[in-house]
């Protein structure tokens, strides 16, 4: 029990899988009770037939804190299954990152650690695939509706507005936790942000925006990862230069092309891909035109 308790406490009773991060403890139906949905999984198996078994590790080591990782029940079953494809290196990285995040959050208010659009904000861009994956992982239902793979949002025509409203409803229910961009103060902070969600607001510059065709349609331009050729939005935030890679599939209004030219005001949510020097490259999940001016964010 002490080892299991230590594993859970060192990650705030949150699943260590960075793509899950489910809270594993909370109140039960009893007035003074709690329910724990977390498990202490082995990094290397406890028995020879288990996944990632290390015959060189002594029996005591298999039961030690160093060989354990705290997960929710779903992720724990996947990691402990005989058919598990998770590697020792991956699980140790999950554990290290989860503990680092828990340490970084000590004493930090959560008031600014979530993203949401505000009343009157106009949604301009939704990476539906990434956003709905995030929603499903957090048990928020969202209807994909008539959208087909590879189909631009704008091709929905008259169904576009109700589709955007459905996703806005899911966003409000999801209220995703994300790192405020202005909380990234050091190079180490930038490295820790890789793979995580960030949220931000400000006036961003546009580069390599696609031109409308003569018939008024938008050419399909997917990001290649080359920030010098892709359609990007960028801005310097002190130490950080945020670079957002845009995909024309996800423009959520016909005015998006004009909106993403020049220096648009934006409230946004993105997942970080890489940090190179001071450049933080991210894929936006949601971008909105704020209803009110972004004072101090010029």
C-alpha atoms as a PDB file:
ATOM      1  CA  UNK A   1       0.000   0.000   0.000  1.00  0.00           C
ATOM      2  CA  UNK A   2       2.730   2.608   0.763  1.00  0.00           C
ATOM      3  CA  UNK A   3       4.218   2.151  -2.748  1.00  0.00           C
ATOM      4  CA  UNK A   4       0.820   2.462  -4.441  1.00  0.00           C
ATOM      5  CA  UNK A   5      -0.035   5.506  -2.363  1.00  0.00           C
ATOM      6  CA  UNK A   6       3.278   7.158  -3.200  1.00  0.00           C
ATOM      7  CA  UNK A   7       2.831   6.491  -6.939  1.00  0.00           C
ATOM      8  CA  UNK A   8      -0.631   8.080  -6.845  1.00  0.00           C
ATOM      9  CA  UNK A   9       0.275  11.074  -4.694  1.00  0.00           C
ATOM     10  CA  UNK A  10       3.339  12.004  -6.750  1.00  0.00           C
ATOM     11  CA  UNK A  11       1.120  12.511  -9.814  1.00  0.00           C
ATOM     12  CA  UNK A  12      -1.874  14.044  -7.958  1.00  0.00           C
ATOM     13  CA  UNK A  13      -3.942  10.852  -8.491  1.00  0.00           C
ATOM     14  CA  UNK A  14      -3.974  11.662 -12.238  1.00  0.00           C
ATOM     15  CA  UNK A  15      -3.384   9.009 -14.907  1.00  0.00           C
ATOM     16  CA  UNK A  16       0.229   9.276 -16.114  1.00  0.00           C
ATOM     17  CA  UNK A  17      -0.690   8.597 -19.757  1.00  0.00           C
ATOM     18  CA  UNK A  18      -0.228  12.055 -21.366  1.00  0.00           C
ATOM     19  CA  UNK A  19      -3.083  11.331 -23.786  1.00  0.00           C
ATOM     20  CA  UNK A  20      -5.465  10.521 -20.936  1.00  0.00           C
ATOM     21  CA  UNK A  21      -4.725  12.402 -17.686  1.00  0.00           C
ATOM     22  CA  UNK A  22      -7.978  11.193 -16.115  1.00  0.00           C
ATOM     23  CA  UNK A  23      -8.490  12.080 -12.456  1.00  0.00           C
ATOM     24  CA  UNK A  24      -8.624   8.787 -10.589  1.00  0.00           C
ATOM     25  CA  UNK A  25     -10.035   9.734  -7.180  1.00  0.00           C
ATOM     26  CA  UNK A  26     -13.138  11.568  -6.095  1.00  0.00           C
ATOM     27  CA  UNK A  27     -16.275  11.433  -3.942  1.00  0.00           C
ATOM     28  CA  UNK A  28     -18.408   8.308  -3.891  1.00  0.00           C
ATOM     29  CA  UNK A  29     -22.180   8.073  -3.434  1.00  0.00           C
ATOM     30  CA  UNK A  30     -21.672   7.895   0.335  1.00  0.00           C
ATOM     31  CA  UNK A  31     -21.709  11.266   2.030  1.00  0.00           C
ATOM     32  CA  UNK A  32     -18.190  10.870   3.411  1.00  0.00           C
ATOM     33  CA  UNK A  33     -16.787   8.267   1.013  1.00  0.00           C
ATOM     34  CA  UNK A  34     -14.326   8.299  -1.859  1.00  0.00           C
ATOM     35  CA  UNK A  35     -13.853   6.170  -4.946  1.00  0.00           C
ATOM     36  CA  UNK A  36     -10.471   5.364  -6.485  1.00  0.00           C
ATOM     37  CA  UNK A  37     -10.410   4.487 -10.194  1.00  0.00           C
ATOM     38  CA  UNK A  38      -6.625   4.316 -10.453  1.00  0.00           C
ATOM     39  CA  UNK A  39      -4.186   1.417 -10.474  1.00  0.00           C
ATOM     40  CA  UNK A  40      -0.486   0.961  -9.850  1.00  0.00           C
ATOM     41  CA  UNK A  41       0.807  -0.795 -12.982  1.00  0.00           C
ATOM     42  CA  UNK A  42       4.172  -2.490 -13.408  1.00  0.00           C
ATOM     43  CA  UNK A  43       6.694  -0.949 -15.786  1.00  0.00           C
ATOM     44  CA  UNK A  44       8.437  -4.309 -16.104  1.00  0.00           C
ATOM     45  CA  UNK A  45       6.250  -7.341 -15.413  1.00  0.00           C
ATOM     46  CA  UNK A  46       5.985  -9.043 -12.024  1.00  0.00           C
ATOM     47  CA  UNK A  47       6.002 -12.517 -13.636  1.00  0.00           C
ATOM     48  CA  UNK A  48       7.992 -14.064 -16.508  1.00  0.00           C
ATOM     49  CA  UNK A  49       4.931 -14.281 -18.765  1.00  0.00           C
ATOM     50  CA  UNK A  50       4.049 -10.625 -18.333  1.00  0.00           C
ATOM     51  CA  UNK A  51       4.896  -7.761 -20.701  1.00  0.00           C
ATOM     52  CA  UNK A  52       8.372  -6.201 -20.537  1.00  0.00           C
ATOM     53  CA  UNK A  53       9.632  -8.798 -18.021  1.00  0.00           C
ATOM     54  CA  UNK A  54      13.205  -8.130 -16.914  1.00  0.00           C
ATOM     55  CA  UNK A  55      14.836 -11.319 -15.623  1.00  0.00           C
ATOM     56  CA  UNK A  56      17.778  -9.336 -14.235  1.00  0.00           C
ATOM     57  CA  UNK A  57      15.536  -7.377 -11.875  1.00  0.00           C
ATOM     58  CA  UNK A  58      15.327  -8.957  -8.392  1.00  0.00           C
ATOM     59  CA  UNK A  59      11.933  -9.817  -6.923  1.00  0.00           C
ATOM     60  CA  UNK A  60      12.095  -6.880  -4.525  1.00  0.00           C
ATOM     61  CA  UNK A  61      12.782  -4.505  -7.410  1.00  0.00           C
ATOM     62  CA  UNK A  62       9.669  -5.645  -9.284  1.00  0.00           C
ATOM     63  CA  UNK A  63       7.529  -4.483  -6.356  1.00  0.00           C
ATOM     64  CA  UNK A  64       9.409  -1.215  -5.858  1.00  0.00           C
ATOM     65  CA  UNK A  65       8.312   2.352  -6.459  1.00  0.00           C
ATOM     66  CA  UNK A  66      10.812   2.677  -9.318  1.00  0.00           C
ATOM     67  CA  UNK A  67       9.073  -0.144 -11.221  1.00  0.00           C
ATOM     68  CA  UNK A  68       5.566   1.286 -10.842  1.00  0.00           C
ATOM     69  CA  UNK A  69       3.449   3.856 -12.655  1.00  0.00           C
ATOM     70  CA  UNK A  70       0.059   5.302 -11.701  1.00  0.00           C
ATOM     71  CA  UNK A  71      -2.671   4.950 -14.351  1.00  0.00           C
ATOM     72  CA  UNK A  72      -6.441   4.929 -14.655  1.00  0.00           C
ATOM     73  CA  UNK A  73      -8.052   1.495 -14.885  1.00  0.00           C
ATOM     74  CA  UNK A  74      -8.444   1.666 -18.672  1.00  0.00           C
ATOM     75  CA  UNK A  75      -4.826   2.625 -19.335  1.00  0.00           C
ATOM     76  CA  UNK A  76      -3.646   0.220 -16.618  1.00  0.00           C
ATOM     77  CA  UNK A  77      -5.337  -2.709 -18.338  1.00  0.00           C
ATOM     78  CA  UNK A  78      -3.782  -1.728 -21.669  1.00  0.00           C
ATOM     79  CA  UNK A  79      -0.299  -1.444 -20.173  1.00  0.00           C
ATOM     80  CA  UNK A  80      -0.536  -4.663 -18.127  1.00  0.00           C
ATOM     81  CA  UNK A  81      -2.078  -6.738 -20.928  1.00  0.00           C
ATOM     82  CA  UNK A  82       0.030  -9.559 -22.369  1.00  0.00           C
ATOM     83  CA  UNK A  83      -0.433  -7.995 -25.795  1.00  0.00           C
ATOM     84  CA  UNK A  84       0.743  -4.597 -24.593  1.00  0.00           C
ATOM     85  CA  UNK A  85       2.929  -2.711 -27.044  1.00  0.00           C
ATOM     86  CA  UNK A  86       4.074  -0.120 -24.512  1.00  0.00           C
ATOM     87  CA  UNK A  87       7.842  -0.011 -23.987  1.00  0.00           C
ATOM     88  CA  UNK A  88       9.794   0.457 -20.768  1.00  0.00           C
ATOM     89  CA  UNK A  89      11.270   3.700 -22.140  1.00  0.00           C
ATOM     90  CA  UNK A  90       7.821   5.063 -22.959  1.00  0.00           C
ATOM     91  CA  UNK A  91       6.369   4.233 -19.544  1.00  0.00           C
ATOM     92  CA  UNK A  92       9.333   5.735 -17.695  1.00  0.00           C
ATOM     93  CA  UNK A  93       8.921   8.871 -19.781  1.00  0.00           C
ATOM     94  CA  UNK A  94       5.205   9.019 -18.930  1.00  0.00           C
ATOM     95  CA  UNK A  95       6.007   8.695 -15.241  1.00  0.00           C
ATOM     96  CA  UNK A  96       8.723  11.344 -15.321  1.00  0.00           C
ATOM     97  CA  UNK A  97       6.556  13.816 -17.250  1.00  0.00           C
ATOM     98  CA  UNK A  98       3.551  13.262 -14.968  1.00  0.00           C
ATOM     99  CA  UNK A  99       5.660  13.904 -11.871  1.00  0.00           C
ATOM    100  CA  UNK A 100       7.202  17.015 -13.449  1.00  0.00           C
ATOM    101  CA  UNK A 101       3.751  18.383 -14.284  1.00  0.00           C
ATOM    102  CA  UNK A 102       2.542  17.674 -10.744  1.00  0.00           C
ATOM    103  CA  UNK A 103       5.561  19.456  -9.297  1.00  0.00           C
ATOM    104  CA  UNK A 104       5.159  22.445 -11.636  1.00  0.00           C
ATOM    105  CA  UNK A 105       1.490  22.820 -10.608  1.00  0.00           C
ATOM    106  CA  UNK A 106       2.184  22.964  -6.856  1.00  0.00           C
ATOM    107  CA  UNK A 107       0.802  26.208  -5.449  1.00  0.00           C
ATOM    108  CA  UNK A 108      -0.298  27.422  -8.902  1.00  0.00           C
ATOM    109  CA  UNK A 109      -3.884  28.637  -9.212  1.00  0.00           C
ATOM    110  CA  UNK A 110      -6.037  26.769 -11.717  1.00  0.00           C
ATOM    111  CA  UNK A 111      -8.114  29.860 -12.524  1.00  0.00           C
ATOM    112  CA  UNK A 112      -6.195  30.429 -15.754  1.00  0.00           C
ATOM    113  CA  UNK A 113      -5.423  26.820 -16.643  1.00  0.00           C
ATOM    114  CA  UNK A 114      -8.466  26.096 -18.836  1.00  0.00           C
ATOM    115  CA  UNK A 115      -9.531  27.188 -22.301  1.00  0.00           C
ATOM    116  CA  UNK A 116     -12.977  28.238 -23.396  1.00  0.00           C
ATOM    117  CA  UNK A 117     -14.475  30.680 -25.828  1.00  0.00           C
ATOM    118  CA  UNK A 118     -16.354  33.552 -24.243  1.00  0.00           C
ATOM    119  CA  UNK A 119     -19.875  34.819 -25.016  1.00  0.00           C
ATOM    120  CA  UNK A 120     -19.819  36.601 -28.352  1.00  0.00           C
ATOM    121  CA  UNK A 121     -16.554  35.029 -29.560  1.00  0.00           C
ATOM    122  CA  UNK A 122     -16.762  33.808 -33.159  1.00  0.00           C
ATOM    123  CA  UNK A 123     -15.272  30.388 -33.944  1.00  0.00           C
ATOM    124  CA  UNK A 124     -13.036  30.616 -37.027  1.00  0.00           C
ATOM    125  CA  UNK A 125     -11.126  27.313 -36.993  1.00  0.00           C
ATOM    126  CA  UNK A 126     -11.688  23.839 -35.503  1.00  0.00           C
ATOM    127  CA  UNK A 127      -9.346  20.922 -36.113  1.00  0.00           C
ATOM    128  CA  UNK A 128     -12.291  18.553 -35.798  1.00  0.00           C
ATOM    129  CA  UNK A 129     -10.237  15.352 -35.820  1.00  0.00           C
ATOM    130  CA  UNK A 130      -7.934  16.417 -32.982  1.00  0.00           C
ATOM    131  CA  UNK A 131     -10.662  18.174 -31.005  1.00  0.00           C
ATOM    132  CA  UNK A 132     -13.077  15.248 -31.119  1.00  0.00           C
ATOM    133  CA  UNK A 133     -10.285  12.836 -30.135  1.00  0.00           C
ATOM    134  CA  UNK A 134      -9.672  15.040 -27.092  1.00  0.00           C
ATOM    135  CA  UNK A 135     -13.409  15.125 -26.301  1.00  0.00           C
ATOM    136  CA  UNK A 136     -13.803  11.339 -26.511  1.00  0.00           C
ATOM    137  CA  UNK A 137     -10.791  10.752 -24.246  1.00  0.00           C
ATOM    138  CA  UNK A 138     -12.515  12.940 -21.674  1.00  0.00           C
ATOM    139  CA  UNK A 139     -15.887  11.195 -22.100  1.00  0.00           C
ATOM    140  CA  UNK A 140     -17.587  14.168 -23.770  1.00  0.00           C
ATOM    141  CA  UNK A 141     -19.960  13.172 -26.567  1.00  0.00           C
ATOM    142  CA  UNK A 142     -19.801  15.152 -29.797  1.00  0.00           C
ATOM    143  CA  UNK A 143     -21.563  14.320 -33.043  1.00  0.00           C
ATOM    144  CA  UNK A 144     -19.274  14.160 -36.087  1.00  0.00           C
ATOM    145  CA  UNK A 145     -22.412  14.599 -38.174  1.00  0.00           C
ATOM    146  CA  UNK A 146     -22.085  14.680 -41.960  1.00  0.00           C
ATOM    147  CA  UNK A 147     -18.345  15.357 -42.026  1.00  0.00           C
ATOM    148  CA  UNK A 148     -16.446  12.751 -44.073  1.00  0.00           C
ATOM    149  CA  UNK A 149     -12.678  12.014 -43.894  1.00  0.00           C
ATOM    150  CA  UNK A 150     -10.709  14.606 -45.854  1.00  0.00           C
ATOM    151  CA  UNK A 151     -13.785  16.820 -46.246  1.00  0.00           C
ATOM    152  CA  UNK A 152     -13.341  20.580 -45.575  1.00  0.00           C
ATOM    153  CA  UNK A 153     -15.622  22.077 -42.959  1.00  0.00           C
ATOM    154  CA  UNK A 154     -16.809  24.670 -45.470  1.00  0.00           C
ATOM    155  CA  UNK A 155     -18.124  21.864 -47.707  1.00  0.00           C
ATOM    156  CA  UNK A 156     -20.885  21.317 -45.110  1.00  0.00           C
ATOM    157  CA  UNK A 157     -22.743  24.283 -46.589  1.00  0.00           C
ATOM    158  CA  UNK A 158     -26.001  24.844 -44.744  1.00  0.00           C
ATOM    159  CA  UNK A 159     -25.018  22.259 -42.108  1.00  0.00           C
ATOM    160  CA  UNK A 160     -21.891  24.224 -41.130  1.00  0.00           C
ATOM    161  CA  UNK A 161     -23.477  26.535 -38.523  1.00  0.00           C
ATOM    162  CA  UNK A 162     -25.247  23.778 -36.509  1.00  0.00           C
ATOM    163  CA  UNK A 163     -22.097  21.634 -36.756  1.00  0.00           C
ATOM    164  CA  UNK A 164     -19.957  24.444 -35.291  1.00  0.00           C
ATOM    165  CA  UNK A 165     -22.544  25.041 -32.564  1.00  0.00           C
ATOM    166  CA  UNK A 166     -22.486  21.327 -31.662  1.00  0.00           C
ATOM    167  CA  UNK A 167     -18.711  21.443 -31.260  1.00  0.00           C
ATOM    168  CA  UNK A 168     -18.943  24.663 -29.241  1.00  0.00           C
ATOM    169  CA  UNK A 169     -21.338  22.879 -26.891  1.00  0.00           C
ATOM    170  CA  UNK A 170     -18.801  20.056 -26.513  1.00  0.00           C
ATOM    171  CA  UNK A 171     -16.009  22.554 -25.848  1.00  0.00           C
ATOM    172  CA  UNK A 172     -17.970  24.169 -23.027  1.00  0.00           C
ATOM    173  CA  UNK A 173     -18.587  20.745 -21.472  1.00  0.00           C
ATOM    174  CA  UNK A 174     -14.982  19.706 -21.968  1.00  0.00           C
ATOM    175  CA  UNK A 175     -13.443  22.944 -20.592  1.00  0.00           C
ATOM    176  CA  UNK A 176      -9.987  21.521 -21.473  1.00  0.00           C
ATOM    177  CA  UNK A 177      -7.061  22.050 -19.153  1.00  0.00           C
ATOM    178  CA  UNK A 178      -4.127  23.671 -20.926  1.00  0.00           C
ATOM    179  CA  UNK A 179      -0.921  25.503 -20.074  1.00  0.00           C
ATOM    180  CA  UNK A 180      -1.289  29.294 -20.328  1.00  0.00           C
ATOM    181  CA  UNK A 181       1.313  30.383 -22.870  1.00  0.00           C
ATOM    182  CA  UNK A 182       2.509  33.191 -20.617  1.00  0.00           C
ATOM    183  CA  UNK A 183       3.367  30.610 -17.919  1.00  0.00           C
ATOM    184  CA  UNK A 184       6.250  29.287 -20.072  1.00  0.00           C
ATOM    185  CA  UNK A 185       9.173  31.236 -18.648  1.00  0.00           C
ATOM    186  CA  UNK A 186      12.254  29.097 -19.309  1.00  0.00           C
ATOM    187  CA  UNK A 187      13.756  26.820 -21.970  1.00  0.00           C
ATOM    188  CA  UNK A 188      12.911  23.898 -19.702  1.00  0.00           C
ATOM    189  CA  UNK A 189       9.267  25.041 -19.661  1.00  0.00           C
ATOM    190  CA  UNK A 190       9.229  24.972 -23.474  1.00  0.00           C
ATOM    191  CA  UNK A 191      10.561  21.419 -23.563  1.00  0.00           C
ATOM    192  CA  UNK A 192       7.991  20.274 -20.991  1.00  0.00           C
ATOM    193  CA  UNK A 193       5.216  21.814 -23.107  1.00  0.00           C
ATOM    194  CA  UNK A 194       5.889  19.402 -26.003  1.00  0.00           C
ATOM    195  CA  UNK A 195       2.871  17.136 -26.472  1.00  0.00           C
ATOM    196  CA  UNK A 196       0.715  19.244 -24.148  1.00  0.00           C
ATOM    197  CA  UNK A 197      -2.148  21.655 -24.762  1.00  0.00           C
ATOM    198  CA  UNK A 198      -1.545  25.393 -24.490  1.00  0.00           C
ATOM    199  CA  UNK A 199      -3.942  28.313 -24.649  1.00  0.00           C
ATOM    200  CA  UNK A 200      -3.218  31.895 -25.628  1.00  0.00           C
ATOM    201  CA  UNK A 201      -4.652  35.205 -26.769  1.00  0.00           C
ATOM    202  CA  UNK A 202      -3.200  38.016 -28.823  1.00  0.00           C
ATOM    203  CA  UNK A 203      -2.719  39.564 -32.231  1.00  0.00           C
ATOM    204  CA  UNK A 204      -0.855  37.106 -34.474  1.00  0.00           C
ATOM    205  CA  UNK A 205       0.770  37.673 -37.848  1.00  0.00           C
ATOM    206  CA  UNK A 206       0.016  35.510 -40.885  1.00  0.00           C
ATOM    207  CA  UNK A 207       2.425  34.031 -43.422  1.00  0.00           C
ATOM    208  CA  UNK A 208       1.853  32.001 -46.620  1.00  0.00           C
ATOM    209  CA  UNK A 209      -1.941  32.286 -46.442  1.00  0.00           C
ATOM    210  CA  UNK A 210      -3.659  30.553 -49.403  1.00  0.00           C
ATOM    211  CA  UNK A 211      -5.297  32.689 -52.091  1.00  0.00           C
ATOM    212  CA  UNK A 212      -8.929  32.236 -52.992  1.00  0.00           C
ATOM    213  CA  UNK A 213      -9.551  30.653 -56.376  1.00  0.00           C
ATOM    214  CA  UNK A 214     -11.437  32.585 -59.042  1.00  0.00           C
ATOM    215  CA  UNK A 215     -14.623  30.684 -58.172  1.00  0.00           C
ATOM    216  CA  UNK A 216     -14.289  31.817 -54.544  1.00  0.00           C
ATOM    217  CA  UNK A 217     -13.281  28.394 -53.203  1.00  0.00           C
ATOM    218  CA  UNK A 218     -10.329  27.796 -50.888  1.00  0.00           C
ATOM    219  CA  UNK A 219      -7.462  25.581 -52.084  1.00  0.00           C
ATOM    220  CA  UNK A 220      -6.789  22.591 -49.842  1.00  0.00           C
ATOM    221  CA  UNK A 221      -3.395  23.171 -48.231  1.00  0.00           C
ATOM    222  CA  UNK A 222      -2.191  20.761 -45.532  1.00  0.00           C
ATOM    223  CA  UNK A 223       0.795  21.641 -43.312  1.00  0.00           C
ATOM    224  CA  UNK A 224       4.013  19.862 -44.264  1.00  0.00           C
ATOM    225  CA  UNK A 225       5.943  20.826 -41.136  1.00  0.00           C
ATOM    226  CA  UNK A 226       8.072  23.384 -43.001  1.00  0.00           C
ATOM    227  CA  UNK A 227       7.297  26.631 -41.187  1.00  0.00           C
ATOM    228  CA  UNK A 228       8.846  28.625 -44.047  1.00  0.00           C
ATOM    229  CA  UNK A 229       6.346  27.245 -46.593  1.00  0.00           C
ATOM    230  CA  UNK A 230       3.249  26.299 -44.573  1.00  0.00           C
ATOM    231  CA  UNK A 231       0.419  28.674 -43.802  1.00  0.00           C
ATOM    232  CA  UNK A 232       1.285  29.779 -40.280  1.00  0.00           C
ATOM    233  CA  UNK A 233       0.240  32.284 -37.652  1.00  0.00           C
ATOM    234  CA  UNK A 234       3.022  33.520 -35.395  1.00  0.00           C
ATOM    235  CA  UNK A 235       3.774  35.934 -32.599  1.00  0.00           C
ATOM    236  CA  UNK A 236       6.521  36.671 -30.077  1.00  0.00           C
ATOM    237  CA  UNK A 237       5.447  36.228 -26.451  1.00  0.00           C
ATOM    238  CA  UNK A 238       8.589  37.299 -24.601  1.00  0.00           C
ATOM    239  CA  UNK A 239      10.862  34.255 -24.534  1.00  0.00           C
ATOM    240  CA  UNK A 240       8.532  32.295 -26.831  1.00  0.00           C
ATOM    241  CA  UNK A 241       7.779  32.659 -30.528  1.00  0.00           C
ATOM    242  CA  UNK A 242       4.504  30.794 -31.025  1.00  0.00           C
ATOM    243  CA  UNK A 243       4.092  29.287 -34.511  1.00  0.00           C
ATOM    244  CA  UNK A 244       0.723  27.768 -35.431  1.00  0.00           C
ATOM    245  CA  UNK A 245       0.480  25.427 -38.443  1.00  0.00           C
ATOM    246  CA  UNK A 246      -2.873  25.880 -40.185  1.00  0.00           C
ATOM    247  CA  UNK A 247      -4.734  23.332 -42.314  1.00  0.00           C
ATOM    248  CA  UNK A 248      -7.300  24.755 -44.745  1.00  0.00           C
ATOM    249  CA  UNK A 249      -9.604  21.786 -44.033  1.00  0.00           C
ATOM    250  CA  UNK A 250     -10.577  23.323 -40.714  1.00  0.00           C
ATOM    251  CA  UNK A 251     -11.655  26.880 -41.610  1.00  0.00           C
ATOM    252  CA  UNK A 252     -14.971  27.186 -39.775  1.00  0.00           C
ATOM    253  CA  UNK A 253     -16.365  30.165 -41.675  1.00  0.00           C
ATOM    254  CA  UNK A 254     -16.149  31.604 -45.184  1.00  0.00           C
ATOM    255  CA  UNK A 255     -14.475  34.704 -43.757  1.00  0.00           C
ATOM    256  CA  UNK A 256     -11.642  32.649 -42.258  1.00  0.00           C
ATOM    257  CA  UNK A 257      -9.240  33.206 -45.174  1.00  0.00           C
ATOM    258  CA  UNK A 258      -9.551  36.975 -44.831  1.00  0.00           C
ATOM    259  CA  UNK A 259      -9.452  36.644 -41.053  1.00  0.00           C
ATOM    260  CA  UNK A 260      -6.161  34.722 -41.163  1.00  0.00           C
ATOM    261  CA  UNK A 261      -4.397  37.377 -43.217  1.00  0.00           C
ATOM    262  CA  UNK A 262      -2.612  40.362 -41.743  1.00  0.00           C
ATOM    263  CA  UNK A 263      -2.648  40.541 -37.947  1.00  0.00           C
ATOM    264  CA  UNK A 264      -5.819  38.959 -36.544  1.00  0.00           C
ATOM    265  CA  UNK A 265      -6.807  38.977 -32.868  1.00  0.00           C
ATOM    266  CA  UNK A 266      -7.144  35.385 -31.692  1.00  0.00           C
ATOM    267  CA  UNK A 267      -8.137  33.359 -28.659  1.00  0.00           C
ATOM    268  CA  UNK A 268      -6.892  29.826 -29.169  1.00  0.00           C
ATOM    269  CA  UNK A 269      -6.094  26.296 -28.030  1.00  0.00           C
ATOM    270  CA  UNK A 270      -3.258  24.239 -29.566  1.00  0.00           C
ATOM    271  CA  UNK A 271      -1.146  21.132 -28.992  1.00  0.00           C
ATOM    272  CA  UNK A 272       2.622  21.665 -29.028  1.00  0.00           C
ATOM    273  CA  UNK A 273       4.623  19.643 -31.589  1.00  0.00           C
ATOM    274  CA  UNK A 274       8.168  20.849 -30.981  1.00  0.00           C
ATOM    275  CA  UNK A 275      10.348  23.440 -29.291  1.00  0.00           C
ATOM    276  CA  UNK A 276      13.435  24.533 -31.190  1.00  0.00           C
ATOM    277  CA  UNK A 277      15.328  27.336 -29.520  1.00  0.00           C
ATOM    278  CA  UNK A 278      12.633  29.897 -28.751  1.00  0.00           C
ATOM    279  CA  UNK A 279      10.234  28.618 -31.467  1.00  0.00           C
ATOM    280  CA  UNK A 280       7.238  26.725 -30.102  1.00  0.00           C
ATOM    281  CA  UNK A 281       5.518  24.969 -33.029  1.00  0.00           C
ATOM    282  CA  UNK A 282       1.936  23.874 -32.414  1.00  0.00           C
ATOM    283  CA  UNK A 283      -1.167  22.575 -34.182  1.00  0.00           C
ATOM    284  CA  UNK A 284      -4.263  24.612 -33.286  1.00  0.00           C
ATOM    285  CA  UNK A 285      -7.368  22.742 -32.200  1.00  0.00           C
ATOM    286  CA  UNK A 286      -9.524  25.847 -31.874  1.00  0.00           C
ATOM    287  CA  UNK A 287      -9.167  29.493 -32.923  1.00  0.00           C
ATOM    288  CA  UNK A 288     -11.762  32.177 -32.270  1.00  0.00           C
ATOM    289  CA  UNK A 289     -12.226  35.867 -32.951  1.00  0.00           C
ATOM    290  CA  UNK A 290     -12.681  37.491 -29.525  1.00  0.00           C
ATOM    291  CA  UNK A 291     -15.834  39.523 -29.038  1.00  0.00           C
ATOM    292  CA  UNK A 292     -13.970  42.138 -27.009  1.00  0.00           C
ATOM    293  CA  UNK A 293     -10.578  43.773 -27.650  1.00  0.00           C
ATOM    294  CA  UNK A 294      -7.510  41.957 -26.289  1.00  0.00           C
ATOM    295  CA  UNK A 295      -6.167  44.810 -24.188  1.00  0.00           C
ATOM    296  CA  UNK A 296      -2.458  44.500 -23.478  1.00  0.00           C
ATOM    297  CA  UNK A 297      -2.068  41.782 -26.146  1.00  0.00           C
ATOM    298  CA  UNK A 298      -1.090  44.026 -29.061  1.00  0.00           C
END
